[in-house]
């Protein structure tokens, strides 16, 4: 369990956020001259970063709910 949990969370993080989006966020931090803890959120960032991320999280949530209900229906 100690080996599987970190791997699971890393895969979920990359699956939800996406490698391309992580690279875009890093490039934007560099462009704005912000450090690791600098506040980066601006008005235009919501449509560029947050809404796609929230959309991916919603898709994961729907997939998990459908899987759980499917397994409950198919397995005795």
Protein backbone atom coordinates (compact mmCIF):
# COMPACT_ATOMS: atom_id res chain seq x y z
CA UNK A 1 0.00 0.00 0.00
CA UNK A 2 2.89 2.36 0.77
CA UNK A 3 4.21 1.81 -2.76
CA UNK A 4 0.89 1.91 -4.60
CA UNK A 5 -0.55 5.07 -2.99
CA UNK A 6 2.15 7.54 -4.16
CA UNK A 7 2.08 6.06 -7.65
CA UNK A 8 -1.72 6.33 -7.75
CA UNK A 9 -1.74 9.96 -6.63
CA UNK A 10 1.02 10.90 -9.09
CA UNK A 11 -0.85 9.30 -11.99
CA UNK A 12 -4.12 10.97 -10.95
CA UNK A 13 -2.42 14.36 -10.63
CA UNK A 14 -0.86 14.11 -14.08
CA UNK A 15 -4.10 12.74 -15.53
CA UNK A 16 -6.24 15.51 -14.10
CA UNK A 17 -3.89 18.45 -14.61
CA UNK A 18 -2.09 17.24 -17.71
CA UNK A 19 1.57 17.58 -18.60
CA UNK A 20 0.92 20.30 -21.16
CA UNK A 21 -0.95 22.40 -18.64
CA UNK A 22 1.82 21.98 -16.06
CA UNK A 23 4.36 23.19 -18.64
CA UNK A 24 2.14 26.16 -19.54
CA UNK A 25 1.80 27.15 -15.90
CA UNK A 26 5.56 26.92 -15.35
CA UNK A 27 6.23 29.06 -18.44
CA UNK A 28 3.68 31.64 -17.28
CA UNK A 29 5.30 31.82 -13.84
CA UNK A 30 8.65 32.47 -15.50
CA UNK A 31 7.16 35.11 -17.80
CA UNK A 32 5.57 36.94 -14.87
CA UNK A 33 8.72 36.66 -12.75
CA UNK A 34 6.97 34.89 -9.89
CA UNK A 35 8.59 32.52 -7.43
CA UNK A 36 7.18 29.22 -6.26
CA UNK A 37 4.75 30.83 -3.77
CA UNK A 38 3.84 33.93 -5.80
CA UNK A 39 0.15 34.53 -6.48
CA UNK A 40 -0.35 33.95 -10.15
CA UNK A 41 -4.12 34.02 -10.63
CA UNK A 42 -5.43 36.73 -12.89
CA UNK A 43 -8.79 37.23 -14.56
CA UNK A 44 -7.67 35.69 -17.86
CA UNK A 45 -6.19 32.67 -16.09
CA UNK A 46 -9.57 31.22 -15.22
CA UNK A 47 -10.48 30.52 -18.84
CA UNK A 48 -6.97 29.35 -19.67
CA UNK A 49 -6.07 27.17 -16.68
CA UNK A 50 -8.78 26.71 -14.07
CA UNK A 51 -11.83 25.90 -16.19
CA UNK A 52 -10.01 23.16 -18.17
CA UNK A 53 -8.67 21.70 -14.91
CA UNK A 54 -12.10 21.76 -13.29
CA UNK A 55 -13.53 20.16 -16.43
CA UNK A 56 -11.04 17.30 -16.16
CA UNK A 57 -11.86 16.83 -12.48
CA UNK A 58 -15.57 16.72 -13.32
CA UNK A 59 -14.93 14.06 -15.99
CA UNK A 60 -12.94 11.97 -13.47
CA UNK A 61 -15.76 12.34 -10.93
CA UNK A 62 -18.42 11.24 -13.43
CA UNK A 63 -16.26 8.29 -14.50
CA UNK A 64 -15.81 7.15 -10.90
CA UNK A 65 -19.52 7.46 -10.11
CA UNK A 66 -20.51 5.54 -13.25
CA UNK A 67 -17.94 2.84 -12.46
CA UNK A 68 -19.14 2.46 -8.88
CA UNK A 69 -22.80 2.18 -9.88
CA UNK A 70 -21.93 -0.20 -12.73
CA UNK A 71 -19.96 -2.46 -10.40
CA UNK A 72 -22.79 -2.42 -7.85
CA UNK A 73 -25.28 -3.39 -10.55
CA UNK A 74 -23.16 -6.09 -12.21
CA UNK A 75 -21.58 -7.72 -9.17
CA UNK A 76 -23.72 -9.55 -6.64
